[in-house]
N, C-alpha and C. Protein backbone atom coordinates (compact mmCIF):
# COMPACT_ATOMS: atom_id res chain seq x y z
N MET A 1 -47.85 252.66 121.02
CA MET A 1 -49.01 251.79 121.15
C MET A 1 -49.60 251.59 119.75
N ASN A 2 -50.08 250.39 119.51
CA ASN A 2 -50.72 250.06 118.25
C ASN A 2 -51.91 250.99 118.02
N PRO A 3 -52.04 251.61 116.82
CA PRO A 3 -53.15 252.55 116.56
C PRO A 3 -54.53 251.90 116.72
N ASN A 4 -54.66 250.62 116.38
CA ASN A 4 -55.96 249.95 116.52
C ASN A 4 -56.35 249.81 117.98
N ILE A 5 -55.39 249.47 118.82
CA ILE A 5 -55.66 249.35 120.26
C ILE A 5 -56.03 250.72 120.81
N SER A 6 -55.34 251.73 120.36
CA SER A 6 -55.64 253.09 120.80
C SER A 6 -57.07 253.49 120.44
N ARG A 7 -57.52 253.16 119.23
CA ARG A 7 -58.88 253.46 118.81
C ARG A 7 -59.90 252.70 119.65
N ILE A 8 -59.63 251.43 119.91
CA ILE A 8 -60.55 250.61 120.71
C ILE A 8 -60.68 251.18 122.12
N LEU A 9 -59.56 251.56 122.72
CA LEU A 9 -59.59 252.14 124.06
C LEU A 9 -60.37 253.45 124.07
N TRP A 10 -60.20 254.26 123.02
CA TRP A 10 -60.93 255.53 122.94
C TRP A 10 -62.43 255.27 122.86
N VAL A 11 -62.86 254.32 122.02
CA VAL A 11 -64.28 254.01 121.88
C VAL A 11 -64.85 253.49 123.20
N LEU A 12 -64.12 252.61 123.88
CA LEU A 12 -64.59 252.10 125.16
C LEU A 12 -64.70 253.21 126.20
N ALA A 13 -63.74 254.11 126.23
CA ALA A 13 -63.79 255.23 127.17
C ALA A 13 -64.97 256.14 126.87
N ALA A 14 -65.20 256.42 125.58
CA ALA A 14 -66.33 257.27 125.19
C ALA A 14 -67.65 256.62 125.56
N ALA A 15 -67.75 255.31 125.35
CA ALA A 15 -68.98 254.59 125.68
C ALA A 15 -69.22 254.62 127.19
N ALA A 16 -68.17 254.43 127.96
CA ALA A 16 -68.30 254.44 129.42
C ALA A 16 -68.72 255.82 129.91
N LEU A 17 -68.13 256.86 129.35
CA LEU A 17 -68.49 258.22 129.75
C LEU A 17 -69.91 258.56 129.34
N SER A 18 -70.32 258.16 128.14
CA SER A 18 -71.66 258.51 127.70
C SER A 18 -72.72 257.77 128.51
N SER A 19 -72.43 256.56 128.96
CA SER A 19 -73.43 255.83 129.73
C SER A 19 -73.60 256.43 131.11
N THR A 20 -72.58 257.11 131.63
CA THR A 20 -72.73 257.76 132.93
C THR A 20 -73.49 259.07 132.82
N MET A 21 -73.65 259.58 131.59
CA MET A 21 -74.32 260.85 131.39
C MET A 21 -75.77 260.67 130.95
N VAL A 22 -76.25 259.44 130.85
CA VAL A 22 -77.61 259.17 130.40
C VAL A 22 -78.60 259.51 131.50
N PRO A 23 -79.66 260.26 131.19
CA PRO A 23 -80.68 260.53 132.21
C PRO A 23 -81.24 259.21 132.74
N SER A 24 -81.54 259.15 134.03
CA SER A 24 -81.94 257.89 134.64
C SER A 24 -83.23 257.33 134.09
N GLU A 25 -84.10 258.14 133.51
CA GLU A 25 -85.35 257.65 132.96
C GLU A 25 -85.26 257.41 131.45
N ALA A 26 -84.07 257.47 130.87
CA ALA A 26 -83.93 257.26 129.43
C ALA A 26 -83.84 255.77 129.16
N ALA A 27 -84.92 255.06 129.37
CA ALA A 27 -84.95 253.61 129.21
C ALA A 27 -84.77 253.24 127.75
N VAL A 28 -84.16 252.10 127.53
CA VAL A 28 -83.94 251.71 126.16
C VAL A 28 -84.89 250.64 125.69
N GLY A 29 -85.06 249.57 126.34
CA GLY A 29 -86.04 248.58 125.92
C GLY A 29 -85.75 247.98 124.57
N HIS A 30 -84.50 247.86 124.22
CA HIS A 30 -84.12 247.27 122.94
C HIS A 30 -83.03 246.27 123.23
N PRO A 31 -83.07 245.08 122.63
CA PRO A 31 -82.13 244.03 122.97
C PRO A 31 -80.66 244.41 122.85
N SER A 32 -80.32 245.37 121.98
CA SER A 32 -78.91 245.68 121.77
C SER A 32 -78.36 246.63 122.83
N GLN A 33 -79.20 247.17 123.71
CA GLN A 33 -78.74 248.08 124.74
C GLN A 33 -79.48 247.78 126.03
N PRO A 34 -78.78 247.70 127.17
CA PRO A 34 -79.47 247.41 128.43
C PRO A 34 -80.31 248.60 128.88
N ALA A 35 -81.43 248.32 129.52
CA ALA A 35 -82.29 249.37 130.04
C ALA A 35 -81.64 250.01 131.25
N VAL A 36 -81.79 251.33 131.38
CA VAL A 36 -81.24 252.04 132.52
C VAL A 36 -82.32 252.71 133.34
N GLY A 37 -83.57 252.44 133.04
CA GLY A 37 -84.67 253.04 133.78
C GLY A 37 -85.93 252.26 133.50
N ASN A 38 -87.07 252.83 133.82
CA ASN A 38 -88.34 252.17 133.56
C ASN A 38 -88.64 252.15 132.08
N MET A 39 -89.13 251.02 131.59
CA MET A 39 -89.44 250.90 130.18
C MET A 39 -90.93 251.02 129.95
N ASP A 40 -91.32 251.83 129.00
CA ASP A 40 -92.71 251.99 128.60
C ASP A 40 -92.95 250.95 127.50
N LYS A 41 -93.52 249.80 127.86
CA LYS A 41 -93.64 248.68 126.92
C LYS A 41 -94.50 249.00 125.70
N ALA A 42 -95.43 249.90 125.81
CA ALA A 42 -96.29 250.21 124.66
C ALA A 42 -95.52 250.93 123.57
N THR A 43 -94.45 251.63 123.94
CA THR A 43 -93.72 252.39 122.94
C THR A 43 -92.27 251.98 122.83
N GLY A 44 -91.86 250.93 123.55
CA GLY A 44 -90.52 250.39 123.38
C GLY A 44 -89.42 251.32 123.83
N GLY A 45 -89.54 251.97 124.94
CA GLY A 45 -88.52 252.87 125.46
C GLY A 45 -89.18 254.16 125.86
N SER A 46 -88.73 254.76 126.95
CA SER A 46 -89.42 255.95 127.43
C SER A 46 -89.08 257.17 126.61
N GLY A 47 -87.82 257.30 126.14
CA GLY A 47 -87.45 258.48 125.38
C GLY A 47 -87.65 259.76 126.16
N THR A 48 -87.51 259.69 127.50
CA THR A 48 -87.74 260.86 128.34
C THR A 48 -86.56 261.10 129.26
N THR A 49 -86.58 262.26 129.91
CA THR A 49 -85.59 262.56 130.95
C THR A 49 -86.31 262.53 132.28
N GLU A 50 -85.59 262.81 133.35
CA GLU A 50 -86.21 262.84 134.67
C GLU A 50 -87.31 263.90 134.73
N SER A 51 -87.19 264.96 133.95
CA SER A 51 -88.21 266.00 133.95
C SER A 51 -89.45 265.57 133.17
N GLY A 52 -89.36 264.44 132.47
CA GLY A 52 -90.50 263.93 131.71
C GLY A 52 -90.60 264.49 130.31
N LYS A 53 -89.64 265.31 129.89
CA LYS A 53 -89.68 265.88 128.56
C LYS A 53 -89.40 264.79 127.52
N LYS A 54 -90.26 264.69 126.52
CA LYS A 54 -90.08 263.69 125.48
C LYS A 54 -88.94 264.12 124.57
N TYR A 55 -88.01 263.25 124.34
CA TYR A 55 -86.91 263.53 123.43
C TYR A 55 -87.19 262.97 122.04
N ILE A 56 -87.79 261.79 121.95
CA ILE A 56 -88.03 261.16 120.66
C ILE A 56 -89.49 260.75 120.57
N LYS A 57 -90.15 261.18 119.50
CA LYS A 57 -91.52 260.76 119.23
C LYS A 57 -91.55 260.14 117.83
N ILE A 58 -92.09 258.94 117.73
CA ILE A 58 -92.35 258.34 116.43
C ILE A 58 -93.83 258.59 116.16
N LEU A 59 -94.09 259.43 115.17
CA LEU A 59 -95.45 259.84 114.87
C LEU A 59 -96.18 258.81 114.01
N SER A 60 -95.45 258.20 113.08
CA SER A 60 -96.02 257.12 112.27
C SER A 60 -94.89 256.30 111.67
N PRO A 61 -95.12 255.03 111.44
CA PRO A 61 -96.34 254.29 111.78
C PRO A 61 -96.46 254.15 113.30
N VAL A 62 -97.66 253.86 113.76
CA VAL A 62 -97.87 253.70 115.19
C VAL A 62 -97.39 252.32 115.64
N ASN A 63 -97.10 252.21 116.92
CA ASN A 63 -96.69 250.92 117.47
C ASN A 63 -97.81 249.90 117.24
N GLY A 64 -97.46 248.72 116.73
CA GLY A 64 -98.44 247.68 116.46
C GLY A 64 -99.11 247.78 115.10
N ALA A 65 -98.67 248.71 114.27
CA ALA A 65 -99.30 248.91 112.96
C ALA A 65 -99.16 247.68 112.08
N GLN A 66 -100.18 247.46 111.25
CA GLN A 66 -100.17 246.40 110.24
C GLN A 66 -99.88 247.10 108.90
N LEU A 67 -98.79 246.74 108.25
CA LEU A 67 -98.38 247.40 107.01
C LEU A 67 -98.45 246.43 105.84
N SER A 68 -98.65 246.97 104.66
CA SER A 68 -98.75 246.15 103.45
C SER A 68 -97.37 245.83 102.90
N ALA A 69 -97.17 244.57 102.53
CA ALA A 69 -95.91 244.14 101.93
C ALA A 69 -95.76 244.84 100.58
N GLY A 70 -94.54 245.10 100.19
CA GLY A 70 -94.28 245.69 98.89
C GLY A 70 -94.31 247.20 98.86
N THR A 71 -94.65 247.84 99.97
CA THR A 71 -94.64 249.30 100.01
C THR A 71 -93.52 249.77 100.93
N SER A 72 -92.95 250.90 100.59
CA SER A 72 -91.86 251.46 101.38
C SER A 72 -92.40 251.97 102.72
N VAL A 73 -91.69 251.68 103.79
CA VAL A 73 -92.09 252.13 105.13
C VAL A 73 -91.38 253.45 105.41
N VAL A 74 -92.18 254.47 105.69
CA VAL A 74 -91.63 255.79 105.98
C VAL A 74 -91.93 256.13 107.43
N LEU A 75 -90.87 256.42 108.16
CA LEU A 75 -90.95 256.75 109.57
C LEU A 75 -91.10 258.27 109.69
N SER A 76 -92.13 258.73 110.37
CA SER A 76 -92.31 260.15 110.64
C SER A 76 -91.96 260.36 112.11
N TYR A 77 -91.10 261.35 112.41
CA TYR A 77 -90.59 261.50 113.77
C TYR A 77 -90.41 262.96 114.14
N ASP A 78 -90.24 263.19 115.45
CA ASP A 78 -89.95 264.50 116.00
C ASP A 78 -89.01 264.28 117.18
N VAL A 79 -87.85 264.95 117.17
CA VAL A 79 -86.82 264.72 118.19
C VAL A 79 -86.40 266.05 118.81
N THR A 80 -86.28 266.04 120.13
CA THR A 80 -85.62 267.12 120.85
C THR A 80 -84.38 266.49 121.45
N LEU A 81 -83.21 266.94 121.03
CA LEU A 81 -81.97 266.32 121.47
C LEU A 81 -81.69 266.51 122.95
N ALA A 82 -81.13 265.48 123.55
CA ALA A 82 -80.64 265.57 124.93
C ALA A 82 -79.42 266.49 124.91
N PRO A 83 -78.97 266.95 126.07
CA PRO A 83 -77.84 267.89 126.10
C PRO A 83 -76.59 267.40 125.36
N ASN A 84 -76.29 266.10 125.40
CA ASN A 84 -75.10 265.61 124.71
C ASN A 84 -75.43 264.93 123.38
N GLY A 85 -76.67 265.05 122.92
CA GLY A 85 -77.06 264.45 121.65
C GLY A 85 -76.68 265.33 120.47
N ASN A 86 -76.46 264.69 119.31
CA ASN A 86 -76.06 265.41 118.11
C ASN A 86 -76.93 265.06 116.90
N HIS A 87 -77.35 263.81 116.82
CA HIS A 87 -78.14 263.33 115.68
C HIS A 87 -78.81 262.02 116.06
N ILE A 88 -79.56 261.42 115.12
CA ILE A 88 -80.23 260.15 115.39
C ILE A 88 -79.73 259.05 114.46
N HIS A 89 -79.80 257.83 114.95
CA HIS A 89 -79.57 256.63 114.14
C HIS A 89 -80.90 255.90 114.06
N VAL A 90 -81.20 255.34 112.90
CA VAL A 90 -82.43 254.58 112.71
C VAL A 90 -82.05 253.11 112.52
N TYR A 91 -82.72 252.23 113.25
CA TYR A 91 -82.44 250.80 113.19
C TYR A 91 -83.70 250.03 112.82
N VAL A 92 -83.53 248.98 112.03
CA VAL A 92 -84.60 248.03 111.74
C VAL A 92 -84.06 246.66 112.12
N ASP A 93 -84.71 246.01 113.07
CA ASP A 93 -84.32 244.68 113.53
C ASP A 93 -82.84 244.61 113.90
N ASN A 94 -82.39 245.59 114.69
CA ASN A 94 -81.01 245.67 115.19
C ASN A 94 -79.97 245.98 114.12
N HIS A 95 -80.38 246.35 112.93
CA HIS A 95 -79.44 246.72 111.86
C HIS A 95 -79.64 248.20 111.54
N MET A 96 -78.53 248.94 111.51
CA MET A 96 -78.64 250.37 111.25
C MET A 96 -79.12 250.61 109.82
N ALA A 97 -80.19 251.39 109.70
CA ALA A 97 -80.76 251.72 108.39
C ALA A 97 -80.23 253.06 107.90
N GLY A 98 -79.68 253.87 108.81
CA GLY A 98 -79.14 255.16 108.43
C GLY A 98 -79.14 256.12 109.59
N LEU A 99 -78.75 257.37 109.29
CA LEU A 99 -78.74 258.40 110.32
C LEU A 99 -79.26 259.69 109.73
N SER A 100 -79.62 260.61 110.61
CA SER A 100 -80.12 261.91 110.17
C SER A 100 -79.79 262.98 111.20
N HIS A 101 -79.48 264.16 110.68
CA HIS A 101 -79.30 265.33 111.54
C HIS A 101 -80.57 266.17 111.60
N GLU A 102 -81.58 265.77 110.83
CA GLU A 102 -82.87 266.45 110.84
C GLU A 102 -83.61 266.04 112.12
N LEU A 103 -84.12 266.99 112.86
CA LEU A 103 -84.78 266.70 114.12
C LEU A 103 -86.27 266.43 113.97
N LYS A 104 -86.81 266.75 112.83
CA LYS A 104 -88.22 266.49 112.57
C LYS A 104 -88.34 266.18 111.08
N GLY A 105 -89.08 265.11 110.78
CA GLY A 105 -89.24 264.81 109.37
C GLY A 105 -89.62 263.37 109.12
N ASN A 106 -89.22 262.90 107.95
CA ASN A 106 -89.53 261.54 107.52
C ASN A 106 -88.24 260.83 107.14
N PHE A 107 -88.22 259.53 107.39
CA PHE A 107 -87.06 258.70 107.07
C PHE A 107 -87.58 257.40 106.47
N SER A 108 -87.20 257.09 105.24
CA SER A 108 -87.65 255.86 104.60
C SER A 108 -86.71 254.72 104.97
N VAL A 109 -87.29 253.65 105.50
CA VAL A 109 -86.49 252.46 105.82
C VAL A 109 -86.61 251.43 104.70
N GLY A 110 -87.34 251.79 103.64
CA GLY A 110 -87.48 250.91 102.49
C GLY A 110 -88.58 249.87 102.68
N LYS A 111 -88.58 248.90 101.78
CA LYS A 111 -89.57 247.83 101.84
C LYS A 111 -89.10 246.78 102.83
N LEU A 112 -90.02 246.30 103.66
CA LEU A 112 -89.69 245.28 104.65
C LEU A 112 -90.34 243.97 104.25
N ALA A 113 -89.66 242.89 104.53
CA ALA A 113 -90.19 241.55 104.25
C ALA A 113 -91.39 241.27 105.15
N PRO A 114 -92.30 240.41 104.71
CA PRO A 114 -93.43 240.04 105.59
C PRO A 114 -92.92 239.51 106.93
N GLY A 115 -93.63 239.87 107.99
CA GLY A 115 -93.25 239.44 109.33
C GLY A 115 -93.28 240.61 110.29
N THR A 116 -92.80 240.37 111.51
CA THR A 116 -92.76 241.39 112.55
C THR A 116 -91.38 242.04 112.56
N HIS A 117 -91.37 243.37 112.66
CA HIS A 117 -90.12 244.12 112.63
C HIS A 117 -90.11 245.17 113.74
N THR A 118 -88.93 245.39 114.33
CA THR A 118 -88.74 246.43 115.33
C THR A 118 -87.98 247.57 114.67
N ILE A 119 -88.55 248.77 114.75
CA ILE A 119 -87.92 249.96 114.19
C ILE A 119 -87.61 250.90 115.34
N CYS A 120 -86.36 251.35 115.43
CA CYS A 120 -85.94 252.21 116.54
C CYS A 120 -85.24 253.46 116.03
N ILE A 121 -85.45 254.54 116.76
CA ILE A 121 -84.67 255.75 116.58
C ILE A 121 -83.85 255.90 117.85
N LYS A 122 -82.53 256.01 117.69
CA LYS A 122 -81.63 256.13 118.84
C LYS A 122 -80.79 257.38 118.70
N GLU A 123 -80.71 258.13 119.78
CA GLU A 123 -79.94 259.36 119.77
C GLU A 123 -78.46 259.07 119.99
N ALA A 124 -77.61 259.81 119.26
CA ALA A 124 -76.16 259.59 119.33
C ALA A 124 -75.42 260.91 119.49
N THR A 125 -74.20 260.81 120.00
CA THR A 125 -73.32 261.97 120.11
C THR A 125 -72.69 262.24 118.75
N ALA A 126 -71.92 263.31 118.66
CA ALA A 126 -71.21 263.64 117.42
C ALA A 126 -70.24 262.52 117.03
N ALA A 127 -69.77 261.75 118.02
CA ALA A 127 -68.85 260.63 117.77
C ALA A 127 -69.61 259.32 117.49
N HIS A 128 -70.93 259.41 117.31
CA HIS A 128 -71.80 258.27 117.01
C HIS A 128 -71.95 257.29 118.17
N VAL A 129 -71.70 257.75 119.39
CA VAL A 129 -71.90 256.92 120.57
C VAL A 129 -73.37 257.06 120.99
N LEU A 130 -74.07 255.93 121.09
CA LEU A 130 -75.47 255.97 121.51
C LEU A 130 -75.55 256.38 122.96
N ILE A 131 -76.49 257.29 123.28
CA ILE A 131 -76.55 257.82 124.65
C ILE A 131 -77.66 257.20 125.48
N GLY A 132 -78.45 256.30 124.90
CA GLY A 132 -79.48 255.61 125.68
C GLY A 132 -80.86 256.20 125.54
N VAL A 133 -81.00 257.34 124.85
CA VAL A 133 -82.33 257.91 124.61
C VAL A 133 -82.81 257.34 123.29
N ASN A 134 -83.94 256.63 123.33
CA ASN A 134 -84.44 256.03 122.10
C ASN A 134 -85.94 255.81 122.16
N ARG A 135 -86.49 255.45 121.04
CA ARG A 135 -87.91 255.10 120.93
C ARG A 135 -87.98 253.99 119.90
N CYS A 136 -88.72 252.93 120.22
CA CYS A 136 -88.88 251.79 119.32
C CYS A 136 -90.37 251.49 119.12
N ILE A 137 -90.69 250.99 117.93
CA ILE A 137 -92.03 250.51 117.65
C ILE A 137 -91.90 249.12 117.02
N VAL A 138 -92.97 248.37 117.08
CA VAL A 138 -93.01 247.06 116.43
C VAL A 138 -94.13 247.14 115.40
N VAL A 139 -93.83 246.73 114.16
CA VAL A 139 -94.83 246.72 113.09
C VAL A 139 -94.87 245.32 112.49
N THR A 140 -96.01 244.99 111.89
CA THR A 140 -96.17 243.71 111.21
C THR A 140 -96.46 243.98 109.75
N VAL A 141 -95.65 243.36 108.87
CA VAL A 141 -95.83 243.51 107.43
C VAL A 141 -96.52 242.26 106.92
N LYS A 142 -97.65 242.47 106.21
CA LYS A 142 -98.40 241.33 105.67
C LYS A 142 -98.51 241.44 104.17
């Protein structure tokens, strides 16, 4: 079998398996991933399990924050990994800004252009498959 086809099939199988393992209340609320539970619109994703334990908290900036243009945006966060989680991916406007294995800390997404931006932290497996646990905020840069 062609190695590229083999890789594609492996990724599809991993994605299918990981989506069946997502807690039912781990809503996503982000256009790049379908929601699988109730979405908390104020915070752009529940980031919780059925037990209600918060997996991802974005401490700052707060959802709806007004930020100054020309300054670097630093995301402060606290994460408790889901059972199959390994690390986090950070996204700005559906584009990956980077990843971190640190469960608590700060992550600089750099300077953002004036306008409205969606910043998300998404939990991933060791194979970088997103598991559906995430938290998103919307900020406006002026």
